[in-house]
Amino acid sequence: MDLNKLIKDAHENAIEKGFYECPECDMAVVGYKCERCNNTGIDPNKNIPELLMLVITEISEAVEALRCEKHIFENDFYKNVDVFEFIKNDDKQIQSLLFEINIKDTFEDEIADVFIRLADLCGYLGIEIDENEYAGGVDCAKNKVEALFDIVEMIVGLKKVIRSIPVKTRPIMFLDIFNQINFFCERNKIDIEKHIEEKMQYNKTRPKKHGKEF
């Protein structure tokens, strides 16, 4: 997986969908000068704990999907069908509908959201990943929920990391978490790259801020 491409694409999509909209900027007023964003329209002072909570929220949604047994391959229909090929359609509205029916809100889909949210945060912080750096991994033999809890603990720890350590040492902390999730996906046979690709395409069809407040 090309993490830096994912970071770039996820952050660009988030900006396009209004997640980084400057709350003080009024670009419609002629001659208006926004001191917060310097008339870029992009908020340079996002609330970091809020962005971290959005990553954690996706993990919580994954756990809830697990509790409700919402899996992409739960239905016998998919045993001999490539669901990613099944949902493809030249009509993007139909493709989005097929995604919503067959993939959206499943455990695997929510894990993809964790990756996308974390990549978006990296984009906001200007982090580039050197995938040749060493990073550890969770004990993926653990119960799924316990392994996800370990990842949550690492994400919570990022708040202190972002505020206290030099910028140049941040990428390894994020790479460690990306690797944790990757190992988890490998252990649980989740084709995370395909799930991320499909979710990113689906997200492009969604309304501003995906219809939410933030």
C-alpha atoms as a PDB file:
ATOM      1  CA  MET A   1       0.000   0.000   0.000  1.00  0.00           C
ATOM      2  CA  ASP A   2       1.302   3.453  -0.933  1.00  0.00           C
ATOM      3  CA  LEU A   3       0.632   5.255   2.345  1.00  0.00           C
ATOM      4  CA  ASN A   4       1.740   8.671   1.120  1.00  0.00           C
ATOM      5  CA  LYS A   5      -0.660   8.499  -1.839  1.00  0.00           C
ATOM      6  CA  LEU A   6      -3.441   7.483   0.536  1.00  0.00           C
ATOM      7  CA  ILE A   7      -2.561  10.396   2.833  1.00  0.00           C
ATOM      8  CA  LYS A   8      -2.670  12.849  -0.073  1.00  0.00           C
ATOM      9  CA  ASP A   9      -5.927  11.493  -1.536  1.00  0.00           C
ATOM     10  CA  ALA A  10      -7.716  11.170   1.822  1.00  0.00           C
ATOM     11  CA  HIS A  11      -6.828  14.701   2.876  1.00  0.00           C
ATOM     12  CA  GLU A  12      -7.764  16.204  -0.498  1.00  0.00           C
ATOM     13  CA  ASN A  13     -11.130  14.423  -0.356  1.00  0.00           C
ATOM     14  CA  ALA A  14     -11.720  15.696   3.181  1.00  0.00           C
ATOM     15  CA  ILE A  15     -10.959  19.269   2.135  1.00  0.00           C
ATOM     16  CA  GLU A  16     -13.259  18.965  -0.877  1.00  0.00           C
ATOM     17  CA  LYS A  17     -16.071  17.706   1.368  1.00  0.00           C
ATOM     18  CA  GLY A  18     -15.735  20.690   3.704  1.00  0.00           C
ATOM     19  CA  PHE A  19     -14.169  19.014   6.737  1.00  0.00           C
ATOM     20  CA  TYR A  20     -11.483  21.711   6.897  1.00  0.00           C
ATOM     21  CA  GLU A  21     -13.673  24.682   6.095  1.00  0.00           C
ATOM     22  CA  CYS A  22     -12.539  27.803   7.955  1.00  0.00           C
ATOM     23  CA  PRO A  23     -15.255  28.746  10.489  1.00  0.00           C
ATOM     24  CA  GLU A  24     -14.369  32.441  10.393  1.00  0.00           C
ATOM     25  CA  CYS A  25     -13.885  32.991   6.679  1.00  0.00           C
ATOM     26  CA  ASP A  26     -16.506  34.677   4.526  1.00  0.00           C
ATOM     27  CA  MET A  27     -15.125  34.498   1.016  1.00  0.00           C
ATOM     28  CA  ALA A  28     -18.371  35.911  -0.376  1.00  0.00           C
ATOM     29  CA  VAL A  29     -17.662  39.366   1.087  1.00  0.00           C
ATOM     30  CA  VAL A  30     -15.604  41.466  -1.300  1.00  0.00           C
ATOM     31  CA  GLY A  31     -12.414  42.738   0.293  1.00  0.00           C
ATOM     32  CA  TYR A  32     -12.841  40.522   3.374  1.00  0.00           C
ATOM     33  CA  LYS A  33      -9.577  39.499   5.001  1.00  0.00           C
ATOM     34  CA  CYS A  34      -9.695  36.358   7.152  1.00  0.00           C
ATOM     35  CA  GLU A  35      -6.930  36.425   9.739  1.00  0.00           C
ATOM     36  CA  ARG A  36      -7.486  32.777  10.653  1.00  0.00           C
ATOM     37  CA  CYS A  37      -6.981  31.190   7.233  1.00  0.00           C
ATOM     38  CA  ASN A  38      -5.497  34.074   5.210  1.00  0.00           C
ATOM     39  CA  ASN A  39      -8.367  33.685   2.732  1.00  0.00           C
ATOM     40  CA  THR A  40      -7.476  30.102   1.819  1.00  0.00           C
ATOM     41  CA  GLY A  41     -10.822  28.884   3.122  1.00  0.00           C
ATOM     42  CA  ILE A  42      -8.997  26.065   4.955  1.00  0.00           C
ATOM     43  CA  ASP A  43      -8.850  26.085   8.748  1.00  0.00           C
ATOM     44  CA  PRO A  44      -5.177  25.961   9.891  1.00  0.00           C
ATOM     45  CA  ASN A  45      -6.154  25.482  13.552  1.00  0.00           C
ATOM     46  CA  LYS A  46      -8.241  22.325  13.626  1.00  0.00           C
ATOM     47  CA  ASN A  47      -8.970  20.733  16.970  1.00  0.00           C
ATOM     48  CA  ILE A  48      -6.514  17.797  17.128  1.00  0.00           C
ATOM     49  CA  PRO A  49      -8.376  15.851  19.865  1.00  0.00           C
ATOM     50  CA  GLU A  50     -11.504  16.127  17.703  1.00  0.00           C
ATOM     51  CA  LEU A  51      -9.658  14.655  14.699  1.00  0.00           C
ATOM     52  CA  LEU A  52      -8.269  11.868  16.873  1.00  0.00           C
ATOM     53  CA  MET A  53     -11.741  11.126  18.230  1.00  0.00           C
ATOM     54  CA  LEU A  54     -13.032  10.727  14.681  1.00  0.00           C
ATOM     55  CA  VAL A  55     -10.459   7.945  14.168  1.00  0.00           C
ATOM     56  CA  ILE A  56     -11.465   6.317  17.445  1.00  0.00           C
ATOM     57  CA  THR A  57     -15.145   6.639  16.492  1.00  0.00           C
ATOM     58  CA  GLU A  58     -14.484   4.556  13.383  1.00  0.00           C
ATOM     59  CA  ILE A  59     -12.940   1.836  15.570  1.00  0.00           C
ATOM     60  CA  SER A  60     -16.009   1.957  17.819  1.00  0.00           C
ATOM     61  CA  GLU A  61     -18.240   1.568  14.761  1.00  0.00           C
ATOM     62  CA  ALA A  62     -16.127  -1.413  13.658  1.00  0.00           C
ATOM     63  CA  VAL A  63     -16.647  -3.039  17.062  1.00  0.00           C
ATOM     64  CA  GLU A  64     -20.393  -2.416  16.856  1.00  0.00           C
ATOM     65  CA  ALA A  65     -20.477  -4.002  13.380  1.00  0.00           C
ATOM     66  CA  LEU A  66     -18.580  -6.967  14.825  1.00  0.00           C
ATOM     67  CA  ARG A  67     -21.135  -7.264  17.639  1.00  0.00           C
ATOM     68  CA  CYS A  68     -23.976  -7.204  15.115  1.00  0.00           C
ATOM     69  CA  GLU A  69     -22.178  -9.703  12.846  1.00  0.00           C
ATOM     70  CA  LYS A  70     -22.183  -7.304   9.910  1.00  0.00           C
ATOM     71  CA  HIS A  71     -19.556  -8.734   7.574  1.00  0.00           C
ATOM     72  CA  ILE A  72     -19.140  -8.324   3.848  1.00  0.00           C
ATOM     73  CA  PHE A  73     -18.894 -12.078   3.234  1.00  0.00           C
ATOM     74  CA  GLU A  74     -21.563 -13.173   5.707  1.00  0.00           C
ATOM     75  CA  ASN A  75     -24.010 -13.948   2.917  1.00  0.00           C
ATOM     76  CA  ASP A  76     -23.459 -17.276   1.089  1.00  0.00           C
ATOM     77  CA  PHE A  77     -24.004 -15.403  -2.182  1.00  0.00           C
ATOM     78  CA  TYR A  78     -20.487 -13.967  -1.955  1.00  0.00           C
ATOM     79  CA  LYS A  79     -18.644 -17.247  -1.554  1.00  0.00           C
ATOM     80  CA  ASN A  80     -18.145 -17.483  -5.313  1.00  0.00           C
ATOM     81  CA  VAL A  81     -18.463 -13.797  -6.197  1.00  0.00           C
ATOM     82  CA  ASP A  82     -15.915 -10.973  -6.137  1.00  0.00           C
ATOM     83  CA  VAL A  83     -18.110  -8.385  -4.440  1.00  0.00           C
ATOM     84  CA  PHE A  84     -15.821  -5.553  -5.516  1.00  0.00           C
ATOM     85  CA  GLU A  85     -16.424  -6.492  -9.153  1.00  0.00           C
ATOM     86  CA  PHE A  86     -20.105  -7.129  -8.485  1.00  0.00           C
ATOM     87  CA  ILE A  87     -20.769  -3.537  -7.353  1.00  0.00           C
ATOM     88  CA  LYS A  88     -18.966  -1.874 -10.269  1.00  0.00           C
ATOM     89  CA  ASN A  89     -21.265  -0.031 -12.649  1.00  0.00           C
ATOM     90  CA  ASP A  90     -20.825   2.743 -15.219  1.00  0.00           C
ATOM     91  CA  ASP A  91     -23.693   4.581 -13.543  1.00  0.00           C
ATOM     92  CA  LYS A  92     -22.093   6.048 -10.402  1.00  0.00           C
ATOM     93  CA  GLN A  93     -25.443   6.378  -8.644  1.00  0.00           C
ATOM     94  CA  ILE A  94     -26.115   2.680  -9.112  1.00  0.00           C
ATOM     95  CA  GLN A  95     -22.558   1.843  -8.024  1.00  0.00           C
ATOM     96  CA  SER A  96     -23.029   3.913  -4.842  1.00  0.00           C
ATOM     97  CA  LEU A  97     -26.334   2.163  -4.156  1.00  0.00           C
ATOM     98  CA  LEU A  98     -24.732  -1.259  -4.602  1.00  0.00           C
ATOM     99  CA  PHE A  99     -21.941  -0.198  -2.249  1.00  0.00           C
ATOM    100  CA  GLU A 100     -24.474   0.879   0.380  1.00  0.00           C
ATOM    101  CA  ILE A 101     -26.378  -2.400   0.106  1.00  0.00           C
ATOM    102  CA  ASN A 102     -23.419  -4.779   0.015  1.00  0.00           C
ATOM    103  CA  ILE A 103     -20.449  -3.167   1.786  1.00  0.00           C
ATOM    104  CA  LYS A 104     -21.226   0.001   3.733  1.00  0.00           C
ATOM    105  CA  ASP A 105     -21.229  -0.219   7.567  1.00  0.00           C
ATOM    106  CA  THR A 106     -19.787  -3.726   7.627  1.00  0.00           C
ATOM    107  CA  PHE A 107     -16.902  -4.530   9.960  1.00  0.00           C
ATOM    108  CA  GLU A 108     -14.461  -4.500   7.053  1.00  0.00           C
ATOM    109  CA  ASP A 109     -15.786  -1.178   5.754  1.00  0.00           C
ATOM    110  CA  GLU A 110     -15.390   0.456   9.168  1.00  0.00           C
ATOM    111  CA  ILE A 111     -11.777  -0.726   9.406  1.00  0.00           C
ATOM    112  CA  ALA A 112     -11.157   0.980   6.043  1.00  0.00           C
ATOM    113  CA  ASP A 113     -12.600   4.159   7.561  1.00  0.00           C
ATOM    114  CA  VAL A 114     -10.028   3.953  10.363  1.00  0.00           C
ATOM    115  CA  PHE A 115      -7.254   3.954   7.761  1.00  0.00           C
ATOM    116  CA  ILE A 116      -8.821   6.839   5.819  1.00  0.00           C
ATOM    117  CA  ARG A 117      -9.349   9.039   8.895  1.00  0.00           C
ATOM    118  CA  LEU A 118      -5.816   8.412  10.115  1.00  0.00           C
ATOM    119  CA  ALA A 119      -4.415   9.177   6.651  1.00  0.00           C
ATOM    120  CA  ASP A 120      -6.431  12.404   6.529  1.00  0.00           C
ATOM    121  CA  LEU A 121      -4.959  13.466   9.883  1.00  0.00           C
ATOM    122  CA  CYS A 122      -1.457  12.810   8.525  1.00  0.00           C
ATOM    123  CA  GLY A 123      -2.295  14.993   5.540  1.00  0.00           C
ATOM    124  CA  TYR A 124      -3.446  17.824   7.781  1.00  0.00           C
ATOM    125  CA  LEU A 125      -0.256  17.584   9.871  1.00  0.00           C
ATOM    126  CA  GLY A 126       1.950  17.444   6.770  1.00  0.00           C
ATOM    127  CA  ILE A 127       3.306  14.015   7.660  1.00  0.00           C
ATOM    128  CA  GLU A 128       5.092  11.912   5.048  1.00  0.00           C
ATOM    129  CA  ILE A 129       5.715   8.259   5.823  1.00  0.00           C
ATOM    130  CA  ASP A 130       8.981   6.445   5.197  1.00  0.00           C
ATOM    131  CA  GLU A 131       7.757   2.869   4.943  1.00  0.00           C
ATOM    132  CA  ASN A 132      11.323   1.584   5.312  1.00  0.00           C
ATOM    133  CA  GLU A 133      11.384   2.765   8.923  1.00  0.00           C
ATOM    134  CA  TYR A 134      11.016   0.083  11.577  1.00  0.00           C
ATOM    135  CA  ALA A 135       7.669  -0.141  13.315  1.00  0.00           C
ATOM    136  CA  GLY A 136       6.201  -2.735  15.657  1.00  0.00           C
ATOM    137  CA  GLY A 137       2.906  -4.579  15.605  1.00  0.00           C
ATOM    138  CA  VAL A 138       0.119  -5.754  17.854  1.00  0.00           C
ATOM    139  CA  ASP A 139      -0.273  -9.334  19.004  1.00  0.00           C
ATOM    140  CA  CYS A 140      -2.863 -10.185  16.388  1.00  0.00           C
ATOM    141  CA  ALA A 141      -3.582 -13.521  18.007  1.00  0.00           C
ATOM    142  CA  LYS A 142      -5.580 -11.588  20.585  1.00  0.00           C
ATOM    143  CA  ASN A 143      -9.336 -11.289  20.592  1.00  0.00           C
ATOM    144  CA  LYS A 144     -10.325  -8.846  17.817  1.00  0.00           C
ATOM    145  CA  VAL A 145     -11.753  -6.296  20.238  1.00  0.00           C
ATOM    146  CA  GLU A 146      -8.707  -6.460  22.486  1.00  0.00           C
ATOM    147  CA  ALA A 147      -6.419  -5.897  19.493  1.00  0.00           C
ATOM    148  CA  LEU A 148      -8.520  -2.897  18.431  1.00  0.00           C
ATOM    149  CA  PHE A 149      -8.389  -1.544  21.980  1.00  0.00           C
ATOM    150  CA  ASP A 150      -4.577  -1.636  21.770  1.00  0.00           C
ATOM    151  CA  ILE A 151      -4.819   0.500  18.625  1.00  0.00           C
ATOM    152  CA  VAL A 152      -7.152   2.944  20.383  1.00  0.00           C
ATOM    153  CA  GLU A 153      -4.578   3.340  23.168  1.00  0.00           C
ATOM    154  CA  MET A 154      -1.938   4.230  20.600  1.00  0.00           C
ATOM    155  CA  ILE A 155      -4.218   6.794  18.944  1.00  0.00           C
ATOM    156  CA  VAL A 156      -4.983   8.401  22.309  1.00  0.00           C
ATOM    157  CA  GLY A 157      -1.231   8.648  22.865  1.00  0.00           C
ATOM    158  CA  LEU A 158      -0.876  10.677  19.667  1.00  0.00           C
ATOM    159  CA  LYS A 159      -2.343  13.746  21.387  1.00  0.00           C
ATOM    160  CA  LYS A 160       0.742  14.067  23.578  1.00  0.00           C
ATOM    161  CA  VAL A 161       3.042  13.071  20.701  1.00  0.00           C
ATOM    162  CA  ILE A 162       1.704  15.744  18.357  1.00  0.00           C
ATOM    163  CA  ARG A 163       2.082  18.464  20.961  1.00  0.00           C
ATOM    164  CA  SER A 164       5.375  17.518  22.546  1.00  0.00           C
ATOM    165  CA  ILE A 165       7.795  15.768  20.207  1.00  0.00           C
ATOM    166  CA  PRO A 166       9.689  17.217  17.205  1.00  0.00           C
ATOM    167  CA  VAL A 167       7.866  17.147  13.877  1.00  0.00           C
ATOM    168  CA  LYS A 168      10.539  14.940  12.283  1.00  0.00           C
ATOM    169  CA  THR A 169       9.845  12.110  14.752  1.00  0.00           C
ATOM    170  CA  ARG A 170       6.070  12.049  14.226  1.00  0.00           C
ATOM    171  CA  PRO A 171       5.968   9.875  11.062  1.00  0.00           C
ATOM    172  CA  ILE A 172       7.314   6.764  12.821  1.00  0.00           C
ATOM    173  CA  MET A 173       4.529   7.021  15.416  1.00  0.00           C
ATOM    174  CA  PHE A 174       1.894   7.076  12.678  1.00  0.00           C
ATOM    175  CA  LEU A 175       3.634   4.332  10.699  1.00  0.00           C
ATOM    176  CA  ASP A 176       3.509   2.164  13.803  1.00  0.00           C
ATOM    177  CA  ILE A 177      -0.272   2.545  13.971  1.00  0.00           C
ATOM    178  CA  PHE A 178      -0.743   1.970  10.240  1.00  0.00           C
ATOM    179  CA  ASN A 179       1.264  -1.235  10.614  1.00  0.00           C
ATOM    180  CA  GLN A 180      -0.797  -2.285  13.615  1.00  0.00           C
ATOM    181  CA  ILE A 181      -3.970  -2.014  11.551  1.00  0.00           C
ATOM    182  CA  ASN A 182      -2.342  -3.743   8.572  1.00  0.00           C
ATOM    183  CA  PHE A 183      -1.277  -6.703  10.724  1.00  0.00           C
ATOM    184  CA  PHE A 184      -4.786  -6.861  12.154  1.00  0.00           C
ATOM    185  CA  CYS A 185      -6.257  -6.959   8.635  1.00  0.00           C
ATOM    186  CA  GLU A 186      -3.862  -9.656   7.476  1.00  0.00           C
ATOM    187  CA  ARG A 187      -4.681 -11.767  10.521  1.00  0.00           C
ATOM    188  CA  ASN A 188      -8.404 -11.385   9.896  1.00  0.00           C
ATOM    189  CA  LYS A 189      -8.234 -11.811   6.102  1.00  0.00           C
ATOM    190  CA  ILE A 190      -9.463  -8.297   5.297  1.00  0.00           C
ATOM    191  CA  ASP A 191      -8.444  -7.057   1.839  1.00  0.00           C
ATOM    192  CA  ILE A 192      -7.916  -3.580   3.227  1.00  0.00           C
ATOM    193  CA  GLU A 193      -6.566  -1.997   0.035  1.00  0.00           C
ATOM    194  CA  LYS A 194      -9.709  -2.884  -1.927  1.00  0.00           C
ATOM    195  CA  HIS A 195     -11.931  -1.710   0.913  1.00  0.00           C
ATOM    196  CA  ILE A 196     -10.094   1.612   1.120  1.00  0.00           C
ATOM    197  CA  GLU A 197     -10.259   2.088  -2.653  1.00  0.00           C
ATOM    198  CA  GLU A 198     -14.010   1.450  -2.777  1.00  0.00           C
ATOM    199  CA  LYS A 199     -14.754   3.600   0.294  1.00  0.00           C
ATOM    200  CA  MET A 200     -12.736   6.506  -1.104  1.00  0.00           C
ATOM    201  CA  GLN A 201     -14.729   6.312  -4.341  1.00  0.00           C
ATOM    202  CA  TYR A 202     -17.999   6.150  -2.420  1.00  0.00           C
ATOM    203  CA  ASN A 203     -17.014   9.116  -0.229  1.00  0.00           C
ATOM    204  CA  LYS A 204     -16.639  11.271  -3.344  1.00  0.00           C
ATOM    205  CA  THR A 205     -20.382  10.852  -3.970  1.00  0.00           C
ATOM    206  CA  ARG A 206     -21.422  11.959  -0.465  1.00  0.00           C
ATOM    207  CA  PRO A 207     -22.699  15.420   0.540  1.00  0.00           C
ATOM    208  CA  LYS A 208     -20.727  18.104   2.364  1.00  0.00           C
ATOM    209  CA  LYS A 209     -19.190  16.720   5.584  1.00  0.00           C
ATOM    210  CA  HIS A 210     -21.010  13.482   4.699  1.00  0.00           C
ATOM    211  CA  GLY A 211     -24.195  15.128   5.948  1.00  0.00           C
ATOM    212  CA  LYS A 212     -22.841  15.620   9.475  1.00  0.00           C
ATOM    213  CA  GLU A 213     -21.963  18.567  11.717  1.00  0.00           C
ATOM    214  CA  PHE A 214     -18.214  17.841  11.703  1.00  0.00           C
END
